[in-house]
Amino acid sequence: MVSRLRMKLDLLVQSMLMVLLALAIPLEPLHIGLKITLIVLVLLQMLSAAQLWLWHTYRPARAYLWTFFLVGLLLPIGLYFFNPLAWLFLLALAVIYFVHTIRVAVVVLRRPRSFWDIS
C-alpha cells in the first residue's frame, strides 16, 4: 500500500519542478536551464514509477517506466532529425505522468488511514 507521506512528497517535488519549468520557458533564451530541469523532472518521475512498480506492484507505473525508457532512447535520434521538437515529446510525457500522479495522490489521500500509517 502506498503511504500518504510518499505521495505527498512525490507530488510536492514534481509540482515544484513543474513550476520551475513553467517559469524557465519565457525567461531563458537559450533554454539550457529548461532542458536541465526537464531532464531532472523526468529522472525523478522514472524513479517514482520504478518505486511504485517494484515496491508496491502498481501496474500502471510499469507502462510509464517503459515509455520513459523508450522516449529516452529515441531522444538523441529525435534531436538529430527534429531538433527542438523532440523535447516536446519528453515534456508531454512528463505532464501526462504528473497528471497521473495527481490522480493517484487523490485516491491515496482519500482512503481511510490505517493504524500503521499514523505519522
PDB file of N, CA and C in Angstrom:
ATOM      1  N   MET A   1       0.841  -1.163   0.000  1.00  0.00           N
ATOM      2  CA  MET A   1       0.000   0.000   0.000  1.00  0.00           C
ATOM      3  C   MET A   1       0.898   1.243   0.000  1.00  0.00           C
ATOM      4  N   VAL A   2       0.600   2.168  -0.843  1.00  0.00           N
ATOM      5  CA  VAL A   2       1.383   3.396  -0.964  1.00  0.00           C
ATOM      6  C   VAL A   2       1.031   4.314   0.202  1.00  0.00           C
ATOM      7  N   SER A   3       2.042   4.831   0.871  1.00  0.00           N
ATOM      8  CA  SER A   3       1.783   5.689   2.031  1.00  0.00           C
ATOM      9  C   SER A   3       1.412   7.100   1.584  1.00  0.00           C
ATOM     10  N   ARG A   4       0.699   7.754   2.463  1.00  0.00           N
ATOM     11  CA  ARG A   4       0.274   9.127   2.189  1.00  0.00           C
ATOM     12  C   ARG A   4       1.480  10.064   2.114  1.00  0.00           C
ATOM     13  N   LEU A   5       2.452   9.856   3.004  1.00  0.00           N
ATOM     14  CA  LEU A   5       3.641  10.707   3.029  1.00  0.00           C
ATOM     15  C   LEU A   5       4.422  10.598   1.726  1.00  0.00           C
ATOM     16  N   ARG A   6       4.549   9.382   1.201  1.00  0.00           N
ATOM     17  CA  ARG A   6       5.267   9.178  -0.056  1.00  0.00           C
ATOM     18  C   ARG A   6       4.590   9.921  -1.197  1.00  0.00           C
ATOM     19  N   MET A   7       3.267   9.848  -1.260  1.00  0.00           N
ATOM     20  CA  MET A   7       2.553  10.527  -2.340  1.00  0.00           C
ATOM     21  C   MET A   7       2.621  12.046  -2.177  1.00  0.00           C
ATOM     22  N   LYS A   8       2.550  12.513  -0.939  1.00  0.00           N
ATOM     23  CA  LYS A   8       2.657  13.956  -0.716  1.00  0.00           C
ATOM     24  C   LYS A   8       4.022  14.482  -1.150  1.00  0.00           C
ATOM     25  N   LEU A   9       5.084  13.771  -0.766  1.00  0.00           N
ATOM     26  CA  LEU A   9       6.433  14.197  -1.159  1.00  0.00           C
ATOM     27  C   LEU A   9       6.619  14.138  -2.674  1.00  0.00           C
ATOM     28  N   ASP A  10       6.142  13.065  -3.279  1.00  0.00           N
ATOM     29  CA  ASP A  10       6.264  12.913  -4.726  1.00  0.00           C
ATOM     30  C   ASP A  10       5.532  14.044  -5.446  1.00  0.00           C
ATOM     31  N   LEU A  11       4.324  14.326  -5.003  1.00  0.00           N
ATOM     32  CA  LEU A  11       3.537  15.388  -5.627  1.00  0.00           C
ATOM     33  C   LEU A  11       4.160  16.762  -5.385  1.00  0.00           C
ATOM     34  N   LEU A  12       4.697  16.993  -4.204  1.00  0.00           N
ATOM     35  CA  LEU A  12       5.321  18.280  -3.892  1.00  0.00           C
ATOM     36  C   LEU A  12       6.548  18.530  -4.763  1.00  0.00           C
ATOM     37  N   VAL A  13       7.425  17.538  -4.869  1.00  0.00           N
ATOM     38  CA  VAL A  13       8.650  17.717  -5.659  1.00  0.00           C
ATOM     39  C   VAL A  13       8.314  17.872  -7.137  1.00  0.00           C
ATOM     40  N   GLN A  14       7.391  17.056  -7.647  1.00  0.00           N
ATOM     41  CA  GLN A  14       7.015  17.190  -9.054  1.00  0.00           C
ATOM     42  C   GLN A  14       6.351  18.540  -9.320  1.00  0.00           C
ATOM     43  N   SER A  15       5.533  19.010  -8.384  1.00  0.00           N
ATOM     44  CA  SER A  15       4.891  20.318  -8.556  1.00  0.00           C
ATOM     45  C   SER A  15       5.920  21.440  -8.594  1.00  0.00           C
ATOM     46  N   MET A  16       6.910  21.363  -7.699  1.00  0.00           N
ATOM     47  CA  MET A  16       7.947  22.398  -7.685  1.00  0.00           C
ATOM     48  C   MET A  16       8.734  22.407  -8.994  1.00  0.00           C
ATOM     49  N   LEU A  17       9.065  21.234  -9.510  1.00  0.00           N
ATOM     50  CA  LEU A  17       9.803  21.180 -10.774  1.00  0.00           C
ATOM     51  C   LEU A  17       8.940  21.633 -11.948  1.00  0.00           C
ATOM     52  N   MET A  18       7.646  21.347 -11.909  1.00  0.00           N
ATOM     53  CA  MET A  18       6.754  21.823 -12.977  1.00  0.00           C
ATOM     54  C   MET A  18       6.643  23.349 -12.954  1.00  0.00           C
ATOM     55  N   VAL A  19       6.553  23.926 -11.765  1.00  0.00           N
ATOM     56  CA  VAL A  19       6.519  25.392 -11.659  1.00  0.00           C
ATOM     57  C   VAL A  19       7.833  25.982 -12.155  1.00  0.00           C
ATOM     58  N   LEU A  20       8.942  25.356 -11.810  1.00  0.00           N
ATOM     59  CA  LEU A  20      10.246  25.810 -12.293  1.00  0.00           C
ATOM     60  C   LEU A  20      10.322  25.741 -13.817  1.00  0.00           C
ATOM     61  N   LEU A  21       9.763  24.683 -14.386  1.00  0.00           N
ATOM     62  CA  LEU A  21       9.715  24.572 -15.850  1.00  0.00           C
ATOM     63  C   LEU A  21       8.871  25.683 -16.455  1.00  0.00           C
ATOM     64  N   ALA A  22       7.712  25.939 -15.855  1.00  0.00           N
ATOM     65  CA  ALA A  22       6.827  26.977 -16.383  1.00  0.00           C
ATOM     66  C   ALA A  22       7.477  28.357 -16.302  1.00  0.00           C
ATOM     67  N   LEU A  23       8.268  28.590 -15.265  1.00  0.00           N
ATOM     68  CA  LEU A  23       8.963  29.871 -15.144  1.00  0.00           C
ATOM     69  C   LEU A  23      10.167  29.959 -16.072  1.00  0.00           C
ATOM     70  N   ALA A  24      10.796  28.842 -16.365  1.00  0.00           N
ATOM     71  CA  ALA A  24      12.005  28.850 -17.197  1.00  0.00           C
ATOM     72  C   ALA A  24      11.685  29.029 -18.677  1.00  0.00           C
ATOM     73  N   ILE A  25      10.492  28.671 -19.098  1.00  0.00           N
ATOM     74  CA  ILE A  25      10.161  28.756 -20.529  1.00  0.00           C
ATOM     75  C   ILE A  25      10.259  30.188 -21.055  1.00  0.00           C
ATOM     76  N   PRO A  26       9.592  31.181 -20.450  1.00  0.00           N
ATOM     77  CA  PRO A  26       9.690  32.524 -21.037  1.00  0.00           C
ATOM     78  C   PRO A  26      10.945  33.297 -20.638  1.00  0.00           C
ATOM     79  N   LEU A  27      11.611  32.890 -19.570  1.00  0.00           N
ATOM     80  CA  LEU A  27      12.712  33.696 -19.049  1.00  0.00           C
ATOM     81  C   LEU A  27      14.075  33.371 -19.626  1.00  0.00           C
ATOM     82  N   GLU A  28      14.249  32.185 -20.134  1.00  0.00           N
ATOM     83  CA  GLU A  28      15.590  31.787 -20.546  1.00  0.00           C
ATOM     84  C   GLU A  28      15.677  31.645 -22.062  1.00  0.00           C
ATOM     85  N   PRO A  29      16.465  32.489 -22.721  1.00  0.00           N
ATOM     86  CA  PRO A  29      16.513  32.444 -24.186  1.00  0.00           C
ATOM     87  C   PRO A  29      17.230  31.212 -24.741  1.00  0.00           C
ATOM     88  N   LEU A  30      18.231  30.688 -24.044  1.00  0.00           N
ATOM     89  CA  LEU A  30      18.974  29.540 -24.565  1.00  0.00           C
ATOM     90  C   LEU A  30      18.350  28.206 -24.173  1.00  0.00           C
ATOM     91  N   HIS A  31      17.446  28.239 -23.228  1.00  0.00           N
ATOM     92  CA  HIS A  31      16.715  27.054 -22.779  1.00  0.00           C
ATOM     93  C   HIS A  31      17.613  25.962 -22.202  1.00  0.00           C
ATOM     94  N   ILE A  32      18.807  26.313 -21.745  1.00  0.00           N
ATOM     95  CA  ILE A  32      19.681  25.320 -21.120  1.00  0.00           C
ATOM     96  C   ILE A  32      19.088  24.891 -19.779  1.00  0.00           C
ATOM     97  N   GLY A  33      18.675  25.861 -18.981  1.00  0.00           N
ATOM     98  CA  GLY A  33      18.059  25.553 -17.693  1.00  0.00           C
ATOM     99  C   GLY A  33      16.761  24.789 -17.847  1.00  0.00           C
ATOM    100  N   LEU A  34      16.030  25.101 -18.906  1.00  0.00           N
ATOM    101  CA  LEU A  34      14.783  24.392 -19.187  1.00  0.00           C
ATOM    102  C   LEU A  34      15.050  22.920 -19.465  1.00  0.00           C
ATOM    103  N   LYS A  35      16.068  22.653 -20.263  1.00  0.00           N
ATOM    104  CA  LYS A  35      16.396  21.262 -20.599  1.00  0.00           C
ATOM    105  C   LYS A  35      16.905  20.503 -19.379  1.00  0.00           C
ATOM    106  N   ILE A  36      17.725  21.157 -18.560  1.00  0.00           N
ATOM    107  CA  ILE A  36      18.241  20.504 -17.357  1.00  0.00           C
ATOM    108  C   ILE A  36      17.102  20.208 -16.385  1.00  0.00           C
ATOM    109  N   THR A  37      16.198  21.179 -16.200  1.00  0.00           N
ATOM    110  CA  THR A  37      15.060  20.972 -15.313  1.00  0.00           C
ATOM    111  C   THR A  37      14.163  19.858 -15.826  1.00  0.00           C
ATOM    112  N   LEU A  38      13.947  19.813 -17.130  1.00  0.00           N
ATOM    113  CA  LEU A  38      13.120  18.758 -17.717  1.00  0.00           C
ATOM    114  C   LEU A  38      13.765  17.389 -17.525  1.00  0.00           C
ATOM    115  N   ILE A  39      15.062  17.303 -17.712  1.00  0.00           N
ATOM    116  CA  ILE A  39      15.752  16.021 -17.527  1.00  0.00           C
ATOM    117  C   ILE A  39      15.691  15.583 -16.063  1.00  0.00           C
ATOM    118  N   VAL A  40      15.879  16.522 -15.129  1.00  0.00           N
ATOM    119  CA  VAL A  40      15.784  16.182 -13.705  1.00  0.00           C
ATOM    120  C   VAL A  40      14.370  15.720 -13.364  1.00  0.00           C
ATOM    121  N   LEU A  41      13.355  16.410 -13.897  1.00  0.00           N
ATOM    122  CA  LEU A  41      11.965  16.025 -13.652  1.00  0.00           C
ATOM    123  C   LEU A  41      11.679  14.628 -14.184  1.00  0.00           C
ATOM    124  N   VAL A  42      12.134  14.348 -15.393  1.00  0.00           N
ATOM    125  CA  VAL A  42      11.883  13.033 -15.989  1.00  0.00           C
ATOM    126  C   VAL A  42      12.621  11.939 -15.220  1.00  0.00           C
ATOM    127  N   LEU A  43      13.848  12.201 -14.792  1.00  0.00           N
ATOM    128  CA  LEU A  43      14.569  11.205 -13.989  1.00  0.00           C
ATOM    129  C   LEU A  43      13.863  10.948 -12.661  1.00  0.00           C
ATOM    130  N   LEU A  44      13.361  12.002 -12.037  1.00  0.00           N
ATOM    131  CA  LEU A  44      12.610  11.835 -10.799  1.00  0.00           C
ATOM    132  C   LEU A  44      11.340  11.019 -11.041  1.00  0.00           C
ATOM    133  N   GLN A  45      10.656  11.303 -12.145  1.00  0.00           N
ATOM    134  CA  GLN A  45       9.443  10.566 -12.457  1.00  0.00           C
ATOM    135  C   GLN A  45       9.743   9.106 -12.780  1.00  0.00           C
ATOM    136  N   MET A  46      10.873   8.848 -13.417  1.00  0.00           N
ATOM    137  CA  MET A  46      11.264   7.460 -13.679  1.00  0.00           C
ATOM    138  C   MET A  46      11.536   6.723 -12.368  1.00  0.00           C
ATOM    139  N   LEU A  47      12.214   7.374 -11.437  1.00  0.00           N
ATOM    140  CA  LEU A  47      12.455   6.756 -10.132  1.00  0.00           C
ATOM    141  C   LEU A  47      11.147   6.518  -9.383  1.00  0.00           C
ATOM    142  N   SER A  48      10.232   7.464  -9.487  1.00  0.00           N
ATOM    143  CA  SER A  48       8.934   7.309  -8.844  1.00  0.00           C
ATOM    144  C   SER A  48       8.166   6.131  -9.440  1.00  0.00           C
ATOM    145  N   ALA A  49       8.155   6.039 -10.761  1.00  0.00           N
ATOM    146  CA  ALA A  49       7.460   4.928 -11.420  1.00  0.00           C
ATOM    147  C   ALA A  49       8.117   3.596 -11.087  1.00  0.00           C
ATOM    148  N   ALA A  50       9.442   3.571 -11.031  1.00  0.00           N
ATOM    149  CA  ALA A  50      10.144   2.326 -10.695  1.00  0.00           C
ATOM    150  C   ALA A  50       9.828   1.894  -9.266  1.00  0.00           C
ATOM    151  N   GLN A  51       9.784   2.849  -8.350  1.00  0.00           N
ATOM    152  CA  GLN A  51       9.461   2.503  -6.969  1.00  0.00           C
ATOM    153  C   GLN A  51       8.025   2.002  -6.854  1.00  0.00           C
ATOM    154  N   LEU A  52       7.093   2.668  -7.519  1.00  0.00           N
ATOM    155  CA  LEU A  52       5.704   2.219  -7.462  1.00  0.00           C
ATOM    156  C   LEU A  52       5.544   0.829  -8.064  1.00  0.00           C
ATOM    157  N   TRP A  53       6.279   0.568  -9.125  1.00  0.00           N
ATOM    158  CA  TRP A  53       6.154  -0.728  -9.795  1.00  0.00           C
ATOM    159  C   TRP A  53       6.836  -1.836  -8.996  1.00  0.00           C
ATOM    160  N   LEU A  54       8.062  -1.597  -8.526  1.00  0.00           N
ATOM    161  CA  LEU A  54       8.819  -2.654  -7.866  1.00  0.00           C
ATOM    162  C   LEU A  54       8.410  -2.873  -6.410  1.00  0.00           C
ATOM    163  N   TRP A  55       8.202  -1.808  -5.656  1.00  0.00           N
ATOM    164  CA  TRP A  55       7.912  -1.962  -4.230  1.00  0.00           C
ATOM    165  C   TRP A  55       6.434  -2.171  -3.948  1.00  0.00           C
ATOM    166  N   HIS A  56       5.581  -1.499  -4.721  1.00  0.00           N
ATOM    167  CA  HIS A  56       4.148  -1.542  -4.435  1.00  0.00           C
ATOM    168  C   HIS A  56       3.366  -2.331  -5.483  1.00  0.00           C
ATOM    169  N   THR A  57       4.038  -2.912  -6.450  1.00  0.00           N
ATOM    170  CA  THR A  57       3.440  -3.668  -7.570  1.00  0.00           C
ATOM    171  C   THR A  57       2.253  -2.927  -8.189  1.00  0.00           C
ATOM    172  N   TYR A  58       2.461  -1.643  -8.426  1.00  0.00           N
ATOM    173  CA  TYR A  58       1.443  -0.810  -9.059  1.00  0.00           C
ATOM    174  C   TYR A  58       1.636  -0.919 -10.567  1.00  0.00           C
ATOM    175  N   ARG A  59       0.750  -1.620 -11.231  1.00  0.00           N
ATOM    176  CA  ARG A  59       0.946  -1.989 -12.633  1.00  0.00           C
ATOM    177  C   ARG A  59       0.970  -0.827 -13.627  1.00  0.00           C
ATOM    178  N   PRO A  60       0.131   0.205 -13.491  1.00  0.00           N
ATOM    179  CA  PRO A  60       0.238   1.307 -14.472  1.00  0.00           C
ATOM    180  C   PRO A  60       1.604   1.994 -14.477  1.00  0.00           C
ATOM    181  N   ALA A  61       2.318   1.947 -13.378  1.00  0.00           N
ATOM    182  CA  ALA A  61       3.647   2.574 -13.333  1.00  0.00           C
ATOM    183  C   ALA A  61       4.622   1.864 -14.263  1.00  0.00           C
ATOM    184  N   ARG A  62       4.409   0.585 -14.483  1.00  0.00           N
ATOM    185  CA  ARG A  62       5.290  -0.174 -15.381  1.00  0.00           C
ATOM    186  C   ARG A  62       5.212   0.368 -16.805  1.00  0.00           C
ATOM    187  N   ALA A  63       4.008   0.670 -17.261  1.00  0.00           N
ATOM    188  CA  ALA A  63       3.846   1.208 -18.614  1.00  0.00           C
ATOM    189  C   ALA A  63       4.532   2.567 -18.747  1.00  0.00           C
ATOM    190  N   TYR A  64       4.392   3.406 -17.729  1.00  0.00           N
ATOM    191  CA  TYR A  64       5.063   4.705 -17.765  1.00  0.00           C
ATOM    192  C   TYR A  64       6.576   4.543 -17.761  1.00  0.00           C
ATOM    193  N   LEU A  65       7.064   3.605 -16.969  1.00  0.00           N
ATOM    194  CA  LEU A  65       8.506   3.384 -16.898  1.00  0.00           C
ATOM    195  C   LEU A  65       9.061   2.960 -18.249  1.00  0.00           C
ATOM    196  N   TRP A  66       8.411   2.030 -18.913  1.00  0.00           N
ATOM    197  CA  TRP A  66       8.877   1.592 -20.233  1.00  0.00           C
ATOM    198  C   TRP A  66       8.738   2.699 -21.273  1.00  0.00           C
ATOM    199  N   THR A  67       7.697   3.517 -21.150  1.00  0.00           N
ATOM    200  CA  THR A  67       7.545   4.638 -22.079  1.00  0.00           C
ATOM    201  C   THR A  67       8.661   5.658 -21.878  1.00  0.00           C
ATOM    202  N   PHE A  68       9.006   5.936 -20.622  1.00  0.00           N
ATOM    203  CA  PHE A  68      10.126   6.838 -20.346  1.00  0.00           C
ATOM    204  C   PHE A  68      11.424   6.296 -20.934  1.00  0.00           C
ATOM    205  N   PHE A  69      11.673   4.992 -20.766  1.00  0.00           N
ATOM    206  CA  PHE A  69      12.878   4.390 -21.338  1.00  0.00           C
ATOM    207  C   PHE A  69      12.893   4.515 -22.857  1.00  0.00           C
ATOM    208  N   LEU A  70      11.760   4.245 -23.487  1.00  0.00           N
ATOM    209  CA  LEU A  70      11.683   4.313 -24.945  1.00  0.00           C
ATOM    210  C   LEU A  70      11.913   5.737 -25.443  1.00  0.00           C
ATOM    211  N   VAL A  71      11.263   6.703 -24.810  1.00  0.00           N
ATOM    212  CA  VAL A  71      11.452   8.099 -25.222  1.00  0.00           C
ATOM    213  C   VAL A  71      12.887   8.538 -24.951  1.00  0.00           C
ATOM    214  N   GLY A  72      13.463   8.088 -23.838  1.00  0.00           N
ATOM    215  CA  GLY A  72      14.858   8.422 -23.542  1.00  0.00           C
ATOM    216  C   GLY A  72      15.828   7.854 -24.557  1.00  0.00           C
ATOM    217  N   LEU A  73      15.541   6.649 -25.034  1.00  0.00           N
ATOM    218  CA  LEU A  73      16.408   6.051 -26.053  1.00  0.00           C
ATOM    219  C   LEU A  73      16.242   6.716 -27.414  1.00  0.00           C
ATOM    220  N   LEU A  74      15.030   7.150 -27.715  1.00  0.00           N
ATOM    221  CA  LEU A  74      14.773   7.765 -29.018  1.00  0.00           C
ATOM    222  C   LEU A  74      15.053   9.265 -29.035  1.00  0.00           C
ATOM    223  N   LEU A  75      15.299   9.866 -27.869  1.00  0.00           N
ATOM    224  CA  LEU A  75      15.544  11.310 -27.817  1.00  0.00           C
ATOM    225  C   LEU A  75      16.751  11.747 -28.645  1.00  0.00           C
ATOM    226  N   PRO A  76      17.902  11.067 -28.603  1.00  0.00           N
ATOM    227  CA  PRO A  76      19.022  11.507 -29.451  1.00  0.00           C
ATOM    228  C   PRO A  76      18.696  11.457 -30.945  1.00  0.00           C
ATOM    229  N   ILE A  77      17.960  10.443 -31.367  1.00  0.00           N
ATOM    230  CA  ILE A  77      17.557  10.365 -32.783  1.00  0.00           C
ATOM    231  C   ILE A  77      16.613  11.508 -33.115  1.00  0.00           C
ATOM    232  N   GLY A  78      15.676  11.784 -32.206  1.00  0.00           N
ATOM    233  CA  GLY A  78      14.750  12.891 -32.422  1.00  0.00           C
ATOM    234  C   GLY A  78      15.447  14.234 -32.438  1.00  0.00           C
ATOM    235  N   LEU A  79      16.453  14.403 -31.589  1.00  0.00           N
ATOM    236  CA  LEU A  79      17.205  15.659 -31.585  1.00  0.00           C
ATOM    237  C   LEU A  79      17.984  15.839 -32.880  1.00  0.00           C
ATOM    238  N   TYR A  80      18.457  14.756 -33.454  1.00  0.00           N
ATOM    239  CA  TYR A  80      19.204  14.846 -34.708  1.00  0.00           C
ATOM    240  C   TYR A  80      18.287  15.230 -35.869  1.00  0.00           C
ATOM    241  N   PHE A  81      17.101  14.634 -35.934  1.00  0.00           N
ATOM    242  CA  PHE A  81      16.216  14.874 -37.075  1.00  0.00           C
ATOM    243  C   PHE A  81      15.249  16.040 -36.869  1.00  0.00           C
ATOM    244  N   PHE A  82      14.716  16.188 -35.660  1.00  0.00           N
ATOM    245  CA  PHE A  82      13.673  17.192 -35.433  1.00  0.00           C
ATOM    246  C   PHE A  82      14.119  18.337 -34.541  1.00  0.00           C
ATOM    247  N   ASN A  83      15.317  18.276 -34.025  1.00  0.00           N
ATOM    248  CA  ASN A  83      15.940  19.249 -33.136  1.00  0.00           C
ATOM    249  C   ASN A  83      15.035  19.659 -31.974  1.00  0.00           C
ATOM    250  N   PRO A  84      14.516  20.893 -31.889  1.00  0.00           N
ATOM    251  CA  PRO A  84      13.837  21.284 -30.652  1.00  0.00           C
ATOM    252  C   PRO A  84      12.496  20.592 -30.427  1.00  0.00           C
ATOM    253  N   LEU A  85      11.876  20.090 -31.467  1.00  0.00           N
ATOM    254  CA  LEU A  85      10.566  19.467 -31.290  1.00  0.00           C
ATOM    255  C   LEU A  85      10.641  18.150 -30.528  1.00  0.00           C
ATOM    256  N   ALA A  86      11.807  17.533 -30.490  1.00  0.00           N
ATOM    257  CA  ALA A  86      11.949  16.266 -29.764  1.00  0.00           C
ATOM    258  C   ALA A  86      11.768  16.466 -28.260  1.00  0.00           C
ATOM    259  N   TRP A  87      12.114  17.644 -27.759  1.00  0.00           N
ATOM    260  CA  TRP A  87      11.933  17.907 -26.335  1.00  0.00           C
ATOM    261  C   TRP A  87      10.460  17.961 -25.973  1.00  0.00           C
ATOM    262  N   LEU A  88       9.599  18.281 -26.945  1.00  0.00           N
ATOM    263  CA  LEU A  88       8.167  18.348 -26.660  1.00  0.00           C
ATOM    264  C   LEU A  88       7.599  16.978 -26.303  1.00  0.00           C
ATOM    265  N   PHE A  89       8.136  15.910 -26.901  1.00  0.00           N
ATOM    266  CA  PHE A  89       7.672  14.568 -26.547  1.00  0.00           C
ATOM    267  C   PHE A  89       7.985  14.265 -25.081  1.00  0.00           C
ATOM    268  N   LEU A  90       9.172  14.632 -24.662  1.00  0.00           N
ATOM    269  CA  LEU A  90       9.566  14.413 -23.272  1.00  0.00           C
ATOM    270  C   LEU A  90       8.733  15.275 -22.325  1.00  0.00           C
ATOM    271  N   LEU A  91       8.481  16.516 -22.720  1.00  0.00           N
ATOM    272  CA  LEU A  91       7.654  17.406 -21.912  1.00  0.00           C
ATOM    273  C   LEU A  91       6.224  16.886 -21.815  1.00  0.00           C
ATOM    274  N   ALA A  92       5.674  16.411 -22.933  1.00  0.00           N
ATOM    275  CA  ALA A  92       4.311  15.870 -22.927  1.00  0.00           C
ATOM    276  C   ALA A  92       4.214  14.654 -22.012  1.00  0.00           C
ATOM    277  N   LEU A  93       5.200  13.786 -22.069  1.00  0.00           N
ATOM    278  CA  LEU A  93       5.197  12.609 -21.209  1.00  0.00           C
ATOM    279  C   LEU A  93       5.321  13.006 -19.737  1.00  0.00           C
ATOM    280  N   ALA A  94       6.133  14.006 -19.448  1.00  0.00           N
ATOM    281  CA  ALA A  94       6.276  14.474 -18.063  1.00  0.00           C
ATOM    282  C   ALA A  94       4.961  15.056 -17.548  1.00  0.00           C
ATOM    283  N   VAL A  95       4.259  15.804 -18.391  1.00  0.00           N
ATOM    284  CA  VAL A  95       2.975  16.380 -17.985  1.00  0.00           C
ATOM    285  C   VAL A  95       1.938  15.276 -17.778  1.00  0.00           C
ATOM    286  N   ILE A  96       1.923  14.283 -18.658  1.00  0.00           N
ATOM    287  CA  ILE A  96       0.971  13.177 -18.522  1.00  0.00           C
ATOM    288  C   ILE A  96       1.229  12.410 -17.226  1.00  0.00           C
ATOM    289  N   TYR A  97       2.492  12.136 -16.927  1.00  0.00           N
ATOM    290  CA  TYR A  97       2.800  11.423 -15.683  1.00  0.00           C
ATOM    291  C   TYR A  97       2.479  12.282 -14.461  1.00  0.00           C
ATOM    292  N   PHE A  98       2.659  13.592 -14.558  1.00  0.00           N
ATOM    293  CA  PHE A  98       2.320  14.491 -13.456  1.00  0.00           C
ATOM    294  C   PHE A  98       0.821  14.449 -13.177  1.00  0.00           C
ATOM    295  N   VAL A  99       0.014  14.474 -14.228  1.00  0.00           N
ATOM    296  CA  VAL A  99      -1.442  14.378 -14.060  1.00  0.00           C
ATOM    297  C   VAL A  99      -1.807  13.028 -13.440  1.00  0.00           C
ATOM    298  N   HIS A 100      -1.138  11.970 -13.890  1.00  0.00           N
ATOM    299  CA  HIS A 100      -1.383  10.644 -13.317  1.00  0.00           C
ATOM    300  C   HIS A 100      -1.003  10.612 -11.836  1.00  0.00           C
ATOM    301  N   THR A 101       0.085  11.258 -11.470  1.00  0.00           N
ATOM    302  CA  THR A 101       0.498  11.319 -10.067  1.00  0.00           C
ATOM    303  C   THR A 101      -0.538  12.060  -9.231  1.00  0.00           C
ATOM    304  N   ILE A 102      -1.111  13.115  -9.782  1.00  0.00           N
ATOM    305  CA  ILE A 102      -2.165  13.846  -9.071  1.00  0.00           C
ATOM    306  C   ILE A 102      -3.357  12.929  -8.830  1.00  0.00           C
ATOM    307  N   ARG A 103      -3.757  12.170  -9.848  1.00  0.00           N
ATOM    308  CA  ARG A 103      -4.897  11.263  -9.703  1.00  0.00           C
ATOM    309  C   ARG A 103      -4.626  10.187  -8.653  1.00  0.00           C
ATOM    310  N   VAL A 104      -3.432   9.618  -8.654  1.00  0.00           N
ATOM    311  CA  VAL A 104      -3.085   8.588  -7.669  1.00  0.00           C
ATOM    312  C   VAL A 104      -3.029   9.197  -6.269  1.00  0.00           C
ATOM    313  N   ALA A 105      -2.484  10.400  -6.153  1.00  0.00           N
ATOM    314  CA  ALA A 105      -2.401  11.058  -4.843  1.00  0.00           C
ATOM    315  C   ALA A 105      -3.792  11.340  -4.284  1.00  0.00           C
ATOM    316  N   VAL A 106      -4.719  11.740  -5.133  1.00  0.00           N
ATOM    317  CA  VAL A 106      -6.089  11.986  -4.676  1.00  0.00           C
ATOM    318  C   VAL A 106      -6.707  10.695  -4.142  1.00  0.00           C
ATOM    319  N   VAL A 107      -6.494   9.592  -4.844  1.00  0.00           N
ATOM    320  CA  VAL A 107      -7.028   8.303  -4.383  1.00  0.00           C
ATOM    321  C   VAL A 107      -6.396   7.900  -3.053  1.00  0.00           C
ATOM    322  N   VAL A 108      -5.082   8.036  -2.946  1.00  0.00           N
ATOM    323  CA  VAL A 108      -4.384   7.638  -1.717  1.00  0.00           C
ATOM    324  C   VAL A 108      -4.789   8.532  -0.552  1.00  0.00           C
ATOM    325  N   LEU A 109      -4.929   9.821  -0.790  1.00  0.00           N
ATOM    326  CA  LEU A 109      -5.259  10.737   0.300  1.00  0.00           C
ATOM    327  C   LEU A 109      -6.715  10.628   0.733  1.00  0.00           C
ATOM    328  N   ARG A 110      -7.585  10.109  -0.120  1.00  0.00           N
ATOM    329  CA  ARG A 110      -8.992   9.954   0.249  1.00  0.00           C
ATOM    330  C   ARG A 110      -9.273   8.684   1.038  1.00  0.00           C
ATOM    331  N   ARG A 111      -8.429   7.684   0.930  1.00  0.00           N
ATOM    332  CA  ARG A 111      -8.727   6.433   1.632  1.00  0.00           C
ATOM    333  C   ARG A 111      -8.480   6.615   3.128  1.00  0.00           C
ATOM    334  N   PRO A 112      -9.218   5.859   3.924  1.00  0.00           N
ATOM    335  CA  PRO A 112      -9.046   5.989   5.375  1.00  0.00           C
ATOM    336  C   PRO A 112      -7.656   5.550   5.817  1.00  0.00           C
ATOM    337  N   ARG A 113      -7.155   6.201   6.820  1.00  0.00           N
ATOM    338  CA  ARG A 113      -5.809   5.900   7.315  1.00  0.00           C
ATOM    339  C   ARG A 113      -5.837   4.632   8.153  1.00  0.00           C
ATOM    340  N   SER A 114      -4.834   3.825   7.973  1.00  0.00           N
ATOM    341  CA  SER A 114      -4.714   2.624   8.794  1.00  0.00           C
ATOM    342  C   SER A 114      -3.945   2.956  10.068  1.00  0.00           C
ATOM    343  N   PHE A 115      -3.915   2.010  10.963  1.00  0.00           N
ATOM    344  CA  PHE A 115      -3.182   2.210  12.211  1.00  0.00           C
ATOM    345  C   PHE A 115      -1.693   2.392  11.950  1.00  0.00           C
ATOM    346  N   TRP A 116      -1.152   1.686  10.955  1.00  0.00           N
ATOM    347  CA  TRP A 116       0.281   1.700  10.685  1.00  0.00           C
ATOM    348  C   TRP A 116       0.716   2.945   9.920  1.00  0.00           C
ATOM    349  N   ASP A 117      -0.232   3.680   9.365  1.00  0.00           N
ATOM    350  CA  ASP A 117       0.098   4.855   8.562  1.00  0.00           C
ATOM    351  C   ASP A 117       0.052   6.136   9.389  1.00  0.00           C
ATOM    352  N   ILE A 118      -0.108   6.016  10.682  1.00  0.00           N
ATOM    353  CA  ILE A 118      -0.186   7.201  11.535  1.00  0.00           C
ATOM    354  C   ILE A 118       1.213   7.770  11.705  1.00  0.00           C
ATOM    355  N   SER A 119       1.372   9.005  11.226  1.00  0.00           N
ATOM    356  CA  SER A 119       2.668   9.673  11.382  1.00  0.00           C
ATOM    357  C   SER A 119       2.507  11.164  11.310  1.00  0.00           C
TER     358      SER A 119
END
